[in-house]
Amino acid sequence: MKEDSINTPIQKIVVPPPFPSRFARAKKEEAEQEILETFRK
């Protein structure tokens, strides 16, 4: 039962999106749209 004594948690590998800059740009545009919407009211 050596496996129990090690007790290593399974780590989830986080894979970054293939186009991080494009992804960030879309999020930034969403945030800017929300800001503009609040000013228009």
PDB file of N, CA and C in Angstrom:
ATOM      1  N   MET A   1       0.831  -1.210   0.000  1.00  0.00           N
ATOM      2  CA  MET A   1       0.000   0.000   0.000  1.00  0.00           C
ATOM      3  C   MET A   1       0.865   1.260   0.000  1.00  0.00           C
ATOM      4  N   LYS A   2       1.905   1.282  -0.787  1.00  0.00           N
ATOM      5  CA  LYS A   2       2.756   2.468  -0.879  1.00  0.00           C
ATOM      6  C   LYS A   2       2.023   3.621  -1.566  1.00  0.00           C
ATOM      7  N   GLU A   3       1.081   3.308  -2.413  1.00  0.00           N
ATOM      8  CA  GLU A   3       0.351   4.351  -3.133  1.00  0.00           C
ATOM      9  C   GLU A   3      -0.423   5.260  -2.177  1.00  0.00           C
ATOM     10  N   ASP A   4      -0.966   4.691  -1.106  1.00  0.00           N
ATOM     11  CA  ASP A   4      -1.721   5.485  -0.140  1.00  0.00           C
ATOM     12  C   ASP A   4      -0.820   6.444   0.631  1.00  0.00           C
ATOM     13  N   SER A   5       0.408   6.023   0.925  1.00  0.00           N
ATOM     14  CA  SER A   5       1.309   6.875   1.698  1.00  0.00           C
ATOM     15  C   SER A   5       1.785   8.080   0.887  1.00  0.00           C
ATOM     16  N   ILE A   6       1.856   7.937  -0.421  1.00  0.00           N
ATOM     17  CA  ILE A   6       2.274   9.068  -1.265  1.00  0.00           C
ATOM     18  C   ILE A   6       1.154  10.115  -1.283  1.00  0.00           C
ATOM     19  N   ASN A   7      -0.054   9.667  -1.603  1.00  0.00           N
ATOM     20  CA  ASN A   7      -1.243  10.524  -1.552  1.00  0.00           C
ATOM     21  C   ASN A   7      -1.049  11.840  -2.307  1.00  0.00           C
ATOM     22  N   THR A   8      -0.697  11.764  -3.584  1.00  0.00           N
ATOM     23  CA  THR A   8      -0.514  12.977  -4.387  1.00  0.00           C
ATOM     24  C   THR A   8      -1.844  13.381  -5.008  1.00  0.00           C
ATOM     25  N   PRO A   9      -2.243  14.627  -4.812  1.00  0.00           N
ATOM     26  CA  PRO A   9      -3.496  15.081  -5.419  1.00  0.00           C
ATOM     27  C   PRO A   9      -3.337  15.214  -6.935  1.00  0.00           C
ATOM     28  N   ILE A  10      -4.407  14.964  -7.650  1.00  0.00           N
ATOM     29  CA  ILE A  10      -4.370  15.086  -9.107  1.00  0.00           C
ATOM     30  C   ILE A  10      -4.429  16.574  -9.453  1.00  0.00           C
ATOM     31  N   GLN A  11      -3.393  17.034 -10.137  1.00  0.00           N
ATOM     32  CA  GLN A  11      -3.346  18.447 -10.506  1.00  0.00           C
ATOM     33  C   GLN A  11      -4.000  18.647 -11.865  1.00  0.00           C
ATOM     34  N   LYS A  12      -4.820  19.671 -11.945  1.00  0.00           N
ATOM     35  CA  LYS A  12      -5.471  19.994 -13.211  1.00  0.00           C
ATOM     36  C   LYS A  12      -4.524  20.874 -14.014  1.00  0.00           C
ATOM     37  N   ILE A  13      -4.229  20.450 -15.220  1.00  0.00           N
ATOM     38  CA  ILE A  13      -3.332  21.223 -16.074  1.00  0.00           C
ATOM     39  C   ILE A  13      -4.152  22.299 -16.774  1.00  0.00           C
ATOM     40  N   VAL A  14      -3.771  23.552 -16.541  1.00  0.00           N
ATOM     41  CA  VAL A  14      -4.485  24.665 -17.157  1.00  0.00           C
ATOM     42  C   VAL A  14      -3.783  25.009 -18.464  1.00  0.00           C
ATOM     43  N   VAL A  15      -4.499  24.836 -19.561  1.00  0.00           N
ATOM     44  CA  VAL A  15      -3.924  25.134 -20.872  1.00  0.00           C
ATOM     45  C   VAL A  15      -4.360  26.533 -21.285  1.00  0.00           C
ATOM     46  N   PRO A  16      -3.408  27.435 -21.544  1.00  0.00           N
ATOM     47  CA  PRO A  16      -3.788  28.777 -21.985  1.00  0.00           C
ATOM     48  C   PRO A  16      -4.425  28.726 -23.372  1.00  0.00           C
ATOM     49  N   PRO A  17      -5.323  29.647 -23.677  1.00  0.00           N
ATOM     50  CA  PRO A  17      -5.941  29.633 -25.001  1.00  0.00           C
ATOM     51  C   PRO A  17      -4.897  29.860 -26.088  1.00  0.00           C
ATOM     52  N   PRO A  18      -5.097  29.300 -27.278  1.00  0.00           N
ATOM     53  CA  PRO A  18      -4.102  29.425 -28.340  1.00  0.00           C
ATOM     54  C   PRO A  18      -3.862  30.865 -28.783  1.00  0.00           C
ATOM     55  N   PHE A  19      -4.875  31.719 -28.641  1.00  0.00           N
ATOM     56  CA  PHE A  19      -4.708  33.124 -29.006  1.00  0.00           C
ATOM     57  C   PHE A  19      -5.023  33.994 -27.793  1.00  0.00           C
ATOM     58  N   PRO A  20      -4.111  34.088 -26.823  1.00  0.00           N
ATOM     59  CA  PRO A  20      -4.410  34.842 -25.592  1.00  0.00           C
ATOM     60  C   PRO A  20      -4.669  36.320 -25.847  1.00  0.00           C
ATOM     61  N   SER A  21      -3.955  36.920 -26.799  1.00  0.00           N
ATOM     62  CA  SER A  21      -4.148  38.349 -27.063  1.00  0.00           C
ATOM     63  C   SER A  21      -5.540  38.609 -27.633  1.00  0.00           C
ATOM     64  N   ARG A  22      -5.993  37.724 -28.507  1.00  0.00           N
ATOM     65  CA  ARG A  22      -7.321  37.873 -29.099  1.00  0.00           C
ATOM     66  C   ARG A  22      -8.391  37.691 -28.033  1.00  0.00           C
ATOM     67  N   PHE A  23      -8.162  36.727 -27.138  1.00  0.00           N
ATOM     68  CA  PHE A  23      -9.097  36.449 -26.052  1.00  0.00           C
ATOM     69  C   PHE A  23      -9.179  37.644 -25.108  1.00  0.00           C
ATOM     70  N   ALA A  24      -8.023  38.214 -24.760  1.00  0.00           N
ATOM     71  CA  ALA A  24      -7.976  39.365 -23.857  1.00  0.00           C
ATOM     72  C   ALA A  24      -8.649  40.570 -24.506  1.00  0.00           C
ATOM     73  N   ARG A  25      -8.440  40.751 -25.795  1.00  0.00           N
ATOM     74  CA  ARG A  25      -9.037  41.881 -26.506  1.00  0.00           C
ATOM     75  C   ARG A  25     -10.558  41.791 -26.450  1.00  0.00           C
ATOM     76  N   ALA A  26     -11.108  40.601 -26.649  1.00  0.00           N
ATOM     77  CA  ALA A  26     -12.557  40.420 -26.603  1.00  0.00           C
ATOM     78  C   ALA A  26     -13.097  40.762 -25.220  1.00  0.00           C
ATOM     79  N   LYS A  27     -12.392  40.333 -24.172  1.00  0.00           N
ATOM     80  CA  LYS A  27     -12.829  40.636 -22.800  1.00  0.00           C
ATOM     81  C   LYS A  27     -12.754  42.135 -22.549  1.00  0.00           C
ATOM     82  N   LYS A  28     -11.697  42.791 -23.040  1.00  0.00           N
ATOM     83  CA  LYS A  28     -11.528  44.225 -22.846  1.00  0.00           C
ATOM     84  C   LYS A  28     -12.663  44.974 -23.535  1.00  0.00           C
ATOM     85  N   GLU A  29     -13.000  44.553 -24.747  1.00  0.00           N
ATOM     86  CA  GLU A  29     -14.091  45.199 -25.474  1.00  0.00           C
ATOM     87  C   GLU A  29     -15.410  45.029 -24.732  1.00  0.00           C
ATOM     88  N   GLU A  30     -15.623  43.858 -24.143  1.00  0.00           N
ATOM     89  CA  GLU A  30     -16.844  43.630 -23.361  1.00  0.00           C
ATOM     90  C   GLU A  30     -16.916  44.594 -22.190  1.00  0.00           C
ATOM     91  N   ALA A  31     -15.803  44.758 -21.487  1.00  0.00           N
ATOM     92  CA  ALA A  31     -15.759  45.658 -20.334  1.00  0.00           C
ATOM     93  C   ALA A  31     -16.007  47.096 -20.779  1.00  0.00           C
ATOM     94  N   GLU A  32     -15.402  47.496 -21.891  1.00  0.00           N
ATOM     95  CA  GLU A  32     -15.595  48.855 -22.396  1.00  0.00           C
ATOM     96  C   GLU A  32     -17.046  49.083 -22.793  1.00  0.00           C
ATOM     97  N   GLN A  33     -17.676  48.082 -23.390  1.00  0.00           N
ATOM     98  CA  GLN A  33     -19.086  48.205 -23.767  1.00  0.00           C
ATOM     99  C   GLN A  33     -19.952  48.415 -22.531  1.00  0.00           C
ATOM    100  N   GLU A  34     -19.652  47.687 -21.460  1.00  0.00           N
ATOM    101  CA  GLU A  34     -20.421  47.841 -20.218  1.00  0.00           C
ATOM    102  C   GLU A  34     -20.269  49.251 -19.669  1.00  0.00           C
ATOM    103  N   ILE A  35     -19.050  49.787 -19.712  1.00  0.00           N
ATOM    104  CA  ILE A  35     -18.795  51.145 -19.216  1.00  0.00           C
ATOM    105  C   ILE A  35     -19.568  52.150 -20.062  1.00  0.00           C
ATOM    106  N   LEU A  36     -19.507  51.991 -21.391  1.00  0.00           N
ATOM    107  CA  LEU A  36     -20.232  52.903 -22.275  1.00  0.00           C
ATOM    108  C   LEU A  36     -21.732  52.833 -22.031  1.00  0.00           C
ATOM    109  N   GLU A  37     -22.245  51.636 -21.797  1.00  0.00           N
ATOM    110  CA  GLU A  37     -23.680  51.476 -21.531  1.00  0.00           C
ATOM    111  C   GLU A  37     -24.087  52.252 -20.281  1.00  0.00           C
ATOM    112  N   THR A  38     -23.258  52.218 -19.250  1.00  0.00           N
ATOM    113  CA  THR A  38     -23.617  52.924 -18.013  1.00  0.00           C
ATOM    114  C   THR A  38     -23.587  54.430 -18.226  1.00  0.00           C
ATOM    115  N   PHE A  39     -22.685  54.924 -19.073  1.00  0.00           N
ATOM    116  CA  PHE A  39     -22.628  56.365 -19.328  1.00  0.00           C
ATOM    117  C   PHE A  39     -23.798  56.839 -20.191  1.00  0.00           C
ATOM    118  N   ARG A  40     -24.294  55.982 -21.062  1.00  0.00           N
ATOM    119  CA  ARG A  40     -25.392  56.358 -21.954  1.00  0.00           C
ATOM    120  C   ARG A  40     -26.703  56.536 -21.205  1.00  0.00           C
ATOM    121  N   LYS A  41     -26.858  55.856 -20.078  1.00  0.00           N
ATOM    122  CA  LYS A  41     -28.119  55.916 -19.333  1.00  0.00           C
ATOM    123  C   LYS A  41     -28.324  57.269 -18.683  1.00  0.00           C
TER     124      LYS A  41
END
